[in-house]
Amino acid sequence: MKISARKYVLSKWLKTKAILKDPKVRVLVPETRRMNEKSLREMLRRYSMVYIKPEAGSYGNGVMRIEQGNGSFSYQNKEKKRVFDSFHSMYQSIVRNKRKRPYLVQKGIHLLKYKGRRFDIRVMVQRNRKRAWEMTAMIGRVAHPRKIVTNYHSGGKPTEVRTLLKPFTSGENLSNIEKTLSKAGYDAAKALSRTYPGLNMVGADIGLDHRLRPWIIELNTNPDPYIFRHLANKSIARKVLNYARALKRIPLAKSKPKRYSKRSLSRNS
């Protein structure tokens, strides 16, 4: 197995290949392939709805949701949805939109919605002072009502995980789902670090389908630690930021920003 000392991994394809080596994590990863006309056609036939995204994109830029209906094909990019009467015409439009950037195609997960808006969970996993991996925080991200991605920089709203889950479950079941999300993020970070042992932080973006099954949608090796300042429990954010500073990932800040600090080093949140 090839090992890399790099501290950041921008390629979504390399990250996917790395975590697929772990059987525990593999079952949580939606089928993902490099996109070309053949692979997109096959994935659409299999799943009816897929997402495509730049291999090295950030902030949700370039992500498209593609659907196959009764004799029609469509894709949505940002707030605009386009409909076509053939796969070929749709694909040609996608090619023009993506320009020459390499893309991935991923099985579409029908995410749970909160007040009609899709959401996922960002699970933060960091190395502690003993260099061991530790799950330090979780926060929900609710998509803008007219958009398909949950990223904060694309209009997503940071929200308490329990607030998002309470319409679907409660009590012990809710606690068990939180533990499942925590373990999924932790296992994914460990799996990724076997190929890239130089990593210090991993932000796992995990979606839940209508059966409350978790899916690892994406891993970020330079996640924004400031998002956790939106949590009611401020000690969680302090812990995340203290760990990040100990790892020399963020500058010491004397003043607390009212919202996300634009100084965040996140390049692939």
C-alpha atoms as a PDB file:
ATOM      1  CA  MET A   1       0.000   0.000   0.000  1.00  0.00           C
ATOM      2  CA  LYS A   2       1.409   3.360  -1.042  1.00  0.00           C
ATOM      3  CA  ILE A   3       1.762   5.784   1.889  1.00  0.00           C
ATOM      4  CA  SER A   4       1.874   9.574   1.555  1.00  0.00           C
ATOM      5  CA  ALA A   5       3.070  12.119   4.133  1.00  0.00           C
ATOM      6  CA  ARG A   6       0.975  14.947   2.690  1.00  0.00           C
ATOM      7  CA  LYS A   7      -1.111  16.952   5.176  1.00  0.00           C
ATOM      8  CA  TYR A   8      -3.932  17.779   2.759  1.00  0.00           C
ATOM      9  CA  VAL A   9      -5.580  15.703   0.055  1.00  0.00           C
ATOM     10  CA  LEU A  10      -7.566  17.749  -2.449  1.00  0.00           C
ATOM     11  CA  SER A  11      -8.513  14.933  -4.825  1.00  0.00           C
ATOM     12  CA  LYS A  12     -11.906  13.479  -3.945  1.00  0.00           C
ATOM     13  CA  TRP A  13     -11.025  10.442  -6.042  1.00  0.00           C
ATOM     14  CA  LEU A  14      -7.853   9.683  -4.077  1.00  0.00           C
ATOM     15  CA  LYS A  15      -9.721  10.081  -0.796  1.00  0.00           C
ATOM     16  CA  THR A  16     -12.483   7.766  -1.972  1.00  0.00           C
ATOM     17  CA  LYS A  17     -10.031   5.085  -3.077  1.00  0.00           C
ATOM     18  CA  ALA A  18      -8.221   5.296   0.266  1.00  0.00           C
ATOM     19  CA  ILE A  19     -11.276   4.785   2.476  1.00  0.00           C
ATOM     20  CA  LEU A  20     -12.698   2.014   0.286  1.00  0.00           C
ATOM     21  CA  LYS A  21      -9.819  -0.159   1.512  1.00  0.00           C
ATOM     22  CA  ASP A  22     -11.501  -0.389   4.931  1.00  0.00           C
ATOM     23  CA  PRO A  23     -14.449  -2.856   4.935  1.00  0.00           C
ATOM     24  CA  LYS A  24     -16.207  -1.015   7.795  1.00  0.00           C
ATOM     25  CA  VAL A  25     -16.121   2.250   5.894  1.00  0.00           C
ATOM     26  CA  ARG A  26     -16.699   0.870   2.396  1.00  0.00           C
ATOM     27  CA  VAL A  27     -20.337  -0.006   3.141  1.00  0.00           C
ATOM     28  CA  LEU A  28     -21.015   3.642   4.054  1.00  0.00           C
ATOM     29  CA  VAL A  29     -19.699   5.115   0.790  1.00  0.00           C
ATOM     30  CA  PRO A  30     -22.154   5.651  -2.098  1.00  0.00           C
ATOM     31  CA  GLU A  31     -20.892   4.164  -5.345  1.00  0.00           C
ATOM     32  CA  THR A  32     -18.492   6.694  -6.852  1.00  0.00           C
ATOM     33  CA  ARG A  33     -16.797   6.576 -10.243  1.00  0.00           C
ATOM     34  CA  ARG A  34     -14.798   8.855 -12.466  1.00  0.00           C
ATOM     35  CA  MET A  35     -17.236  10.540 -14.790  1.00  0.00           C
ATOM     36  CA  ASN A  36     -17.394  10.149 -18.528  1.00  0.00           C
ATOM     37  CA  GLU A  37     -20.345   9.681 -20.859  1.00  0.00           C
ATOM     38  CA  LYS A  38     -20.419   5.914 -20.324  1.00  0.00           C
ATOM     39  CA  SER A  39     -20.144   5.960 -16.529  1.00  0.00           C
ATOM     40  CA  LEU A  40     -22.743   8.715 -16.162  1.00  0.00           C
ATOM     41  CA  ARG A  41     -25.216   6.873 -18.384  1.00  0.00           C
ATOM     42  CA  GLU A  42     -24.707   3.620 -16.456  1.00  0.00           C
ATOM     43  CA  MET A  43     -25.035   5.266 -13.042  1.00  0.00           C
ATOM     44  CA  LEU A  44     -28.218   7.088 -14.088  1.00  0.00           C
ATOM     45  CA  ARG A  45     -29.751   3.836 -15.315  1.00  0.00           C
ATOM     46  CA  ARG A  46     -28.894   2.200 -12.005  1.00  0.00           C
ATOM     47  CA  TYR A  47     -29.946   4.931  -9.569  1.00  0.00           C
ATOM     48  CA  SER A  48     -32.161   7.423 -11.510  1.00  0.00           C
ATOM     49  CA  MET A  49     -30.560  10.260  -9.524  1.00  0.00           C
ATOM     50  CA  VAL A  50     -26.848  10.992  -9.154  1.00  0.00           C
ATOM     51  CA  TYR A  51     -24.569  13.842  -8.190  1.00  0.00           C
ATOM     52  CA  ILE A  52     -21.527  14.886 -10.169  1.00  0.00           C
ATOM     53  CA  LYS A  53     -18.765  17.054  -8.726  1.00  0.00           C
ATOM     54  CA  PRO A  54     -15.303  18.323  -9.624  1.00  0.00           C
ATOM     55  CA  GLU A  55     -12.567  15.984  -8.471  1.00  0.00           C
ATOM     56  CA  ALA A  56     -10.792  18.869  -6.738  1.00  0.00           C
ATOM     57  CA  GLY A  57     -13.630  21.330  -6.151  1.00  0.00           C
ATOM     58  CA  SER A  58     -14.408  23.266  -2.977  1.00  0.00           C
ATOM     59  CA  TYR A  59     -17.349  24.992  -1.240  1.00  0.00           C
ATOM     60  CA  GLY A  60     -19.821  22.958  -3.298  1.00  0.00           C
ATOM     61  CA  ASN A  61     -18.831  24.797  -6.482  1.00  0.00           C
ATOM     62  CA  GLY A  62     -19.569  22.860  -9.651  1.00  0.00           C
ATOM     63  CA  VAL A  63     -21.761  20.219  -7.985  1.00  0.00           C
ATOM     64  CA  MET A  64     -24.742  19.133 -10.108  1.00  0.00           C
ATOM     65  CA  ARG A  65     -27.742  16.940  -9.335  1.00  0.00           C
ATOM     66  CA  ILE A  66     -28.768  14.820 -12.335  1.00  0.00           C
ATOM     67  CA  GLU A  67     -32.061  12.961 -12.722  1.00  0.00           C
ATOM     68  CA  GLN A  68     -33.619  10.626 -15.247  1.00  0.00           C
ATOM     69  CA  GLY A  69     -37.416  10.716 -15.465  1.00  0.00           C
ATOM     70  CA  ASN A  70     -40.076   9.465 -17.837  1.00  0.00           C
ATOM     71  CA  GLY A  71     -38.394  10.177 -21.138  1.00  0.00           C
ATOM     72  CA  SER A  72     -36.593  13.242 -19.858  1.00  0.00           C
ATOM     73  CA  PHE A  73     -33.251  14.132 -18.311  1.00  0.00           C
ATOM     74  CA  SER A  74     -32.380  17.070 -16.107  1.00  0.00           C
ATOM     75  CA  TYR A  75     -29.593  18.585 -14.092  1.00  0.00           C
ATOM     76  CA  GLN A  76     -29.459  21.334 -11.498  1.00  0.00           C
ATOM     77  CA  ASN A  77     -26.415  23.526 -10.940  1.00  0.00           C
ATOM     78  CA  LYS A  78     -26.755  26.120  -8.144  1.00  0.00           C
ATOM     79  CA  GLU A  79     -30.346  27.399  -8.466  1.00  0.00           C
ATOM     80  CA  LYS A  80     -30.855  26.670 -12.158  1.00  0.00           C
ATOM     81  CA  LYS A  81     -32.471  23.449 -13.388  1.00  0.00           C
ATOM     82  CA  ARG A  82     -32.346  22.454 -17.044  1.00  0.00           C
ATOM     83  CA  VAL A  83     -34.476  19.753 -18.716  1.00  0.00           C
ATOM     84  CA  PHE A  84     -33.597  17.783 -21.881  1.00  0.00           C
ATOM     85  CA  ASP A  85     -35.352  15.223 -24.053  1.00  0.00           C
ATOM     86  CA  SER A  86     -32.255  13.050 -24.508  1.00  0.00           C
ATOM     87  CA  PHE A  87     -29.257  11.932 -22.511  1.00  0.00           C
ATOM     88  CA  HIS A  88     -26.893  13.042 -25.266  1.00  0.00           C
ATOM     89  CA  SER A  89     -28.135  16.638 -25.324  1.00  0.00           C
ATOM     90  CA  MET A  90     -27.950  16.813 -21.537  1.00  0.00           C
ATOM     91  CA  TYR A  91     -24.437  15.402 -21.488  1.00  0.00           C
ATOM     92  CA  GLN A  92     -23.224  17.913 -24.066  1.00  0.00           C
ATOM     93  CA  SER A  93     -24.562  20.725 -21.890  1.00  0.00           C
ATOM     94  CA  ILE A  94     -22.832  19.271 -18.826  1.00  0.00           C
ATOM     95  CA  VAL A  95     -19.539  19.063 -20.718  1.00  0.00           C
ATOM     96  CA  ARG A  96     -19.801  22.733 -21.618  1.00  0.00           C
ATOM     97  CA  ASN A  97     -20.563  23.618 -18.005  1.00  0.00           C
ATOM     98  CA  LYS A  98     -17.771  21.619 -16.427  1.00  0.00           C
ATOM     99  CA  ARG A  99     -15.269  22.781 -19.024  1.00  0.00           C
ATOM    100  CA  LYS A 100     -12.190  20.516 -18.944  1.00  0.00           C
ATOM    101  CA  ARG A 101     -12.231  19.765 -15.226  1.00  0.00           C
ATOM    102  CA  PRO A 102     -12.220  16.065 -14.258  1.00  0.00           C
ATOM    103  CA  TYR A 103     -15.460  15.095 -12.523  1.00  0.00           C
ATOM    104  CA  LEU A 104     -16.744  12.252 -10.358  1.00  0.00           C
ATOM    105  CA  VAL A 105     -20.232  10.746 -10.459  1.00  0.00           C
ATOM    106  CA  GLN A 106     -21.754   9.495  -7.201  1.00  0.00           C
ATOM    107  CA  LYS A 107     -24.908   7.575  -6.390  1.00  0.00           C
ATOM    108  CA  GLY A 108     -27.538  10.090  -5.319  1.00  0.00           C
ATOM    109  CA  ILE A 109     -28.716   9.858  -1.725  1.00  0.00           C
ATOM    110  CA  HIS A 110     -32.192  11.203  -0.997  1.00  0.00           C
ATOM    111  CA  LEU A 111     -31.231  13.130   2.115  1.00  0.00           C
ATOM    112  CA  LEU A 112     -33.530  13.839   5.014  1.00  0.00           C
ATOM    113  CA  LYS A 113     -35.059  17.302   4.968  1.00  0.00           C
ATOM    114  CA  TYR A 114     -35.642  19.840   7.700  1.00  0.00           C
ATOM    115  CA  LYS A 115     -38.516  22.215   6.933  1.00  0.00           C
ATOM    116  CA  GLY A 116     -38.276  21.190   3.288  1.00  0.00           C
ATOM    117  CA  ARG A 117     -34.517  21.712   3.034  1.00  0.00           C
ATOM    118  CA  ARG A 118     -31.932  18.957   2.647  1.00  0.00           C
ATOM    119  CA  PHE A 119     -29.336  18.578   5.356  1.00  0.00           C
ATOM    120  CA  ASP A 120     -26.206  16.631   6.174  1.00  0.00           C
ATOM    121  CA  ILE A 121     -23.911  16.389   9.186  1.00  0.00           C
ATOM    122  CA  ARG A 122     -20.328  17.635   9.423  1.00  0.00           C
ATOM    123  CA  VAL A 123     -18.376  15.383  11.804  1.00  0.00           C
ATOM    124  CA  MET A 124     -15.040  16.840  12.909  1.00  0.00           C
ATOM    125  CA  VAL A 125     -12.254  14.386  13.720  1.00  0.00           C
ATOM    126  CA  GLN A 126      -8.897  15.723  14.939  1.00  0.00           C
ATOM    127  CA  ARG A 127      -5.628  14.422  16.259  1.00  0.00           C
ATOM    128  CA  ASN A 128      -5.293  15.150  19.963  1.00  0.00           C
ATOM    129  CA  ARG A 129      -2.122  15.935  21.878  1.00  0.00           C
ATOM    130  CA  LYS A 130      -1.207  12.251  21.858  1.00  0.00           C
ATOM    131  CA  ARG A 131      -1.585  12.190  18.053  1.00  0.00           C
ATOM    132  CA  ALA A 132      -4.579   9.857  18.402  1.00  0.00           C
ATOM    133  CA  TRP A 133      -7.730  10.511  16.384  1.00  0.00           C
ATOM    134  CA  GLU A 134     -10.652  11.950  18.359  1.00  0.00           C
ATOM    135  CA  MET A 135     -14.160  12.924  17.282  1.00  0.00           C
ATOM    136  CA  THR A 136     -14.468  16.448  18.661  1.00  0.00           C
ATOM    137  CA  ALA A 137     -17.696  17.919  17.258  1.00  0.00           C
ATOM    138  CA  MET A 138     -20.732  17.516  15.010  1.00  0.00           C
ATOM    139  CA  ILE A 139     -22.981  20.100  13.427  1.00  0.00           C
ATOM    140  CA  GLY A 140     -25.781  19.968  10.880  1.00  0.00           C
ATOM    141  CA  ARG A 141     -25.743  21.929   7.627  1.00  0.00           C
ATOM    142  CA  VAL A 142     -29.101  22.806   6.074  1.00  0.00           C
ATOM    143  CA  ALA A 143     -29.131  23.622   2.372  1.00  0.00           C
ATOM    144  CA  HIS A 144     -30.400  26.902   0.971  1.00  0.00           C
ATOM    145  CA  PRO A 145     -34.031  26.236  -0.104  1.00  0.00           C
ATOM    146  CA  ARG A 146     -33.223  26.647  -3.805  1.00  0.00           C
ATOM    147  CA  LYS A 147     -29.848  24.904  -3.845  1.00  0.00           C
ATOM    148  CA  ILE A 148     -28.636  21.307  -3.846  1.00  0.00           C
ATOM    149  CA  VAL A 149     -25.548  21.647  -1.618  1.00  0.00           C
ATOM    150  CA  THR A 150     -25.348  22.250   2.131  1.00  0.00           C
ATOM    151  CA  ASN A 151     -22.043  24.152   2.247  1.00  0.00           C
ATOM    152  CA  TYR A 152     -22.056  27.331   4.334  1.00  0.00           C
ATOM    153  CA  HIS A 153     -20.374  29.274   1.537  1.00  0.00           C
ATOM    154  CA  SER A 154     -23.251  28.288  -0.766  1.00  0.00           C
ATOM    155  CA  GLY A 155     -25.932  29.520   1.616  1.00  0.00           C
ATOM    156  CA  GLY A 156     -26.141  26.519   3.956  1.00  0.00           C
ATOM    157  CA  LYS A 157     -27.229  27.127   7.552  1.00  0.00           C
ATOM    158  CA  PRO A 158     -25.299  25.574  10.492  1.00  0.00           C
ATOM    159  CA  THR A 159     -27.815  23.895  12.825  1.00  0.00           C
ATOM    160  CA  GLU A 160     -27.707  21.707  15.945  1.00  0.00           C
ATOM    161  CA  VAL A 161     -27.761  18.005  15.039  1.00  0.00           C
ATOM    162  CA  ARG A 162     -30.493  17.214  17.577  1.00  0.00           C
ATOM    163  CA  THR A 163     -32.720  19.920  16.139  1.00  0.00           C
ATOM    164  CA  LEU A 164     -32.489  18.246  12.735  1.00  0.00           C
ATOM    165  CA  LEU A 165     -33.028  14.699  13.994  1.00  0.00           C
ATOM    166  CA  LYS A 166     -35.932  15.266  16.412  1.00  0.00           C
ATOM    167  CA  PRO A 167     -38.612  15.245  13.668  1.00  0.00           C
ATOM    168  CA  PHE A 168     -37.490  11.719  12.726  1.00  0.00           C
ATOM    169  CA  THR A 169     -36.561  10.029  16.008  1.00  0.00           C
ATOM    170  CA  SER A 170     -36.203  10.604  19.728  1.00  0.00           C
ATOM    171  CA  GLY A 171     -34.815   9.309  23.003  1.00  0.00           C
ATOM    172  CA  GLU A 172     -32.408   6.406  22.870  1.00  0.00           C
ATOM    173  CA  ASN A 173     -32.748   6.021  19.111  1.00  0.00           C
ATOM    174  CA  LEU A 174     -31.646   9.617  18.598  1.00  0.00           C
ATOM    175  CA  SER A 175     -28.630   9.087  20.851  1.00  0.00           C
ATOM    176  CA  ASN A 176     -27.752   5.915  18.956  1.00  0.00           C
ATOM    177  CA  ILE A 177     -27.855   7.772  15.631  1.00  0.00           C
ATOM    178  CA  GLU A 178     -25.513  10.404  17.042  1.00  0.00           C
ATOM    179  CA  LYS A 179     -23.130   7.637  18.130  1.00  0.00           C
ATOM    180  CA  THR A 180     -23.363   6.061  14.669  1.00  0.00           C
ATOM    181  CA  LEU A 181     -22.513   9.380  13.009  1.00  0.00           C
ATOM    182  CA  SER A 182     -19.598   9.894  15.389  1.00  0.00           C
ATOM    183  CA  LYS A 183     -18.230   6.405  14.736  1.00  0.00           C
ATOM    184  CA  ALA A 184     -18.635   6.756  10.962  1.00  0.00           C
ATOM    185  CA  GLY A 185     -16.604   9.966  10.969  1.00  0.00           C
ATOM    186  CA  TYR A 186     -13.963   8.507  13.269  1.00  0.00           C
ATOM    187  CA  ASP A 187     -13.621   5.295  11.233  1.00  0.00           C
ATOM    188  CA  ALA A 188     -13.387   7.275   7.989  1.00  0.00           C
ATOM    189  CA  ALA A 189     -10.618   9.502   9.365  1.00  0.00           C
ATOM    190  CA  LYS A 190      -8.650   6.487  10.563  1.00  0.00           C
ATOM    191  CA  ALA A 191      -9.096   4.733   7.227  1.00  0.00           C
ATOM    192  CA  LEU A 192      -7.949   7.797   5.295  1.00  0.00           C
ATOM    193  CA  SER A 193      -4.928   8.302   7.550  1.00  0.00           C
ATOM    194  CA  ARG A 194      -3.636   4.806   6.818  1.00  0.00           C
ATOM    195  CA  THR A 195      -2.826   6.038   3.322  1.00  0.00           C
ATOM    196  CA  TYR A 196      -2.144   9.640   4.387  1.00  0.00           C
ATOM    197  CA  PRO A 197      -0.647   9.505   7.917  1.00  0.00           C
ATOM    198  CA  GLY A 198       0.324  13.184   7.783  1.00  0.00           C
ATOM    199  CA  LEU A 199      -3.303  14.303   8.141  1.00  0.00           C
ATOM    200  CA  ASN A 200      -4.281  16.209  11.287  1.00  0.00           C
ATOM    201  CA  MET A 201      -7.980  16.976  10.799  1.00  0.00           C
ATOM    202  CA  VAL A 202     -10.787  15.423   8.798  1.00  0.00           C
ATOM    203  CA  GLY A 203     -14.272  16.810   8.304  1.00  0.00           C
ATOM    204  CA  ALA A 204     -16.623  13.998   7.310  1.00  0.00           C
ATOM    205  CA  ASP A 205     -19.813  15.060   5.533  1.00  0.00           C
ATOM    206  CA  ILE A 206     -22.404  12.414   6.320  1.00  0.00           C
ATOM    207  CA  GLY A 207     -25.943  12.262   4.985  1.00  0.00           C
ATOM    208  CA  LEU A 208     -28.880  10.280   6.329  1.00  0.00           C
ATOM    209  CA  ASP A 209     -31.433   8.679   4.036  1.00  0.00           C
ATOM    210  CA  HIS A 210     -35.090   8.062   4.868  1.00  0.00           C
ATOM    211  CA  ARG A 211     -34.216   4.853   6.703  1.00  0.00           C
ATOM    212  CA  LEU A 212     -31.775   6.874   8.845  1.00  0.00           C
ATOM    213  CA  ARG A 213     -28.878   5.047   7.246  1.00  0.00           C
ATOM    214  CA  PRO A 214     -25.644   7.089   7.210  1.00  0.00           C
ATOM    215  CA  TRP A 215     -23.707   7.707   4.003  1.00  0.00           C
ATOM    216  CA  ILE A 216     -20.252   9.272   3.797  1.00  0.00           C
ATOM    217  CA  ILE A 217     -20.688  11.792   1.015  1.00  0.00           C
ATOM    218  CA  GLU A 218     -17.286  13.435   1.217  1.00  0.00           C
ATOM    219  CA  LEU A 219     -14.186  13.871   3.373  1.00  0.00           C
ATOM    220  CA  ASN A 220     -12.379  17.181   3.795  1.00  0.00           C
ATOM    221  CA  THR A 221      -8.774  17.283   4.983  1.00  0.00           C
ATOM    222  CA  ASN A 222      -8.731  21.031   5.616  1.00  0.00           C
ATOM    223  CA  PRO A 223     -12.121  21.573   7.273  1.00  0.00           C
ATOM    224  CA  ASP A 224     -13.270  24.915   8.636  1.00  0.00           C
ATOM    225  CA  PRO A 225     -13.116  24.816  12.466  1.00  0.00           C
ATOM    226  CA  TYR A 226     -15.044  28.076  12.874  1.00  0.00           C
ATOM    227  CA  ILE A 227     -18.408  26.579  11.901  1.00  0.00           C
ATOM    228  CA  PHE A 228     -18.675  25.037  15.375  1.00  0.00           C
ATOM    229  CA  ARG A 229     -18.984  28.507  16.913  1.00  0.00           C
ATOM    230  CA  HIS A 230     -22.628  28.252  15.883  1.00  0.00           C
ATOM    231  CA  LEU A 231     -23.212  25.515  18.487  1.00  0.00           C
ATOM    232  CA  ALA A 232     -24.969  26.486  21.717  1.00  0.00           C
ATOM    233  CA  ASN A 233     -22.328  24.648  23.756  1.00  0.00           C
ATOM    234  CA  LYS A 234     -19.371  27.002  23.329  1.00  0.00           C
ATOM    235  CA  SER A 235     -16.967  24.587  25.031  1.00  0.00           C
ATOM    236  CA  ILE A 236     -17.181  22.327  21.967  1.00  0.00           C
ATOM    237  CA  ALA A 237     -16.023  25.117  19.665  1.00  0.00           C
ATOM    238  CA  ARG A 238     -13.224  26.013  22.081  1.00  0.00           C
ATOM    239  CA  LYS A 239     -12.001  22.431  22.038  1.00  0.00           C
ATOM    240  CA  VAL A 240     -12.051  22.244  18.234  1.00  0.00           C
ATOM    241  CA  LEU A 241     -10.182  25.542  17.926  1.00  0.00           C
ATOM    242  CA  ASN A 242      -7.669  24.651  20.641  1.00  0.00           C
ATOM    243  CA  TYR A 243      -6.864  21.363  18.913  1.00  0.00           C
ATOM    244  CA  ALA A 244      -6.526  23.157  15.580  1.00  0.00           C
ATOM    245  CA  ARG A 245      -4.180  25.738  17.083  1.00  0.00           C
ATOM    246  CA  ALA A 246      -2.103  23.039  18.757  1.00  0.00           C
ATOM    247  CA  LEU A 247      -1.740  21.480  15.325  1.00  0.00           C
ATOM    248  CA  LYS A 248      -0.785  24.931  13.974  1.00  0.00           C
ATOM    249  CA  ARG A 249      -3.701  24.877  11.584  1.00  0.00           C
ATOM    250  CA  ILE A 250      -5.210  28.278  12.416  1.00  0.00           C
ATOM    251  CA  PRO A 251      -3.853  31.589  13.743  1.00  0.00           C
ATOM    252  CA  LEU A 252      -4.451  32.677  17.318  1.00  0.00           C
ATOM    253  CA  ALA A 253      -7.464  34.984  17.209  1.00  0.00           C
ATOM    254  CA  LYS A 254      -7.884  37.657  19.882  1.00  0.00           C
ATOM    255  CA  SER A 255     -11.404  38.627  18.880  1.00  0.00           C
ATOM    256  CA  LYS A 256     -14.355  36.412  18.161  1.00  0.00           C
ATOM    257  CA  PRO A 257     -15.977  36.961  14.778  1.00  0.00           C
ATOM    258  CA  LYS A 258     -19.733  37.388  14.781  1.00  0.00           C
ATOM    259  CA  ARG A 259     -20.052  34.854  11.976  1.00  0.00           C
ATOM    260  CA  TYR A 260     -17.686  32.588  10.124  1.00  0.00           C
ATOM    261  CA  SER A 261     -14.183  34.016  10.058  1.00  0.00           C
ATOM    262  CA  LYS A 262     -13.175  34.568   6.466  1.00  0.00           C
ATOM    263  CA  ARG A 263      -9.659  33.906   7.644  1.00  0.00           C
ATOM    264  CA  SER A 264     -10.570  30.244   7.942  1.00  0.00           C
ATOM    265  CA  LEU A 265      -8.012  28.100   6.216  1.00  0.00           C
ATOM    266  CA  SER A 266     -10.731  25.865   4.809  1.00  0.00           C
ATOM    267  CA  ARG A 267     -10.003  25.187   1.167  1.00  0.00           C
ATOM    268  CA  ASN A 268     -12.223  22.184   0.639  1.00  0.00           C
ATOM    269  CA  SER A 269     -15.125  22.508   3.081  1.00  0.00           C
END
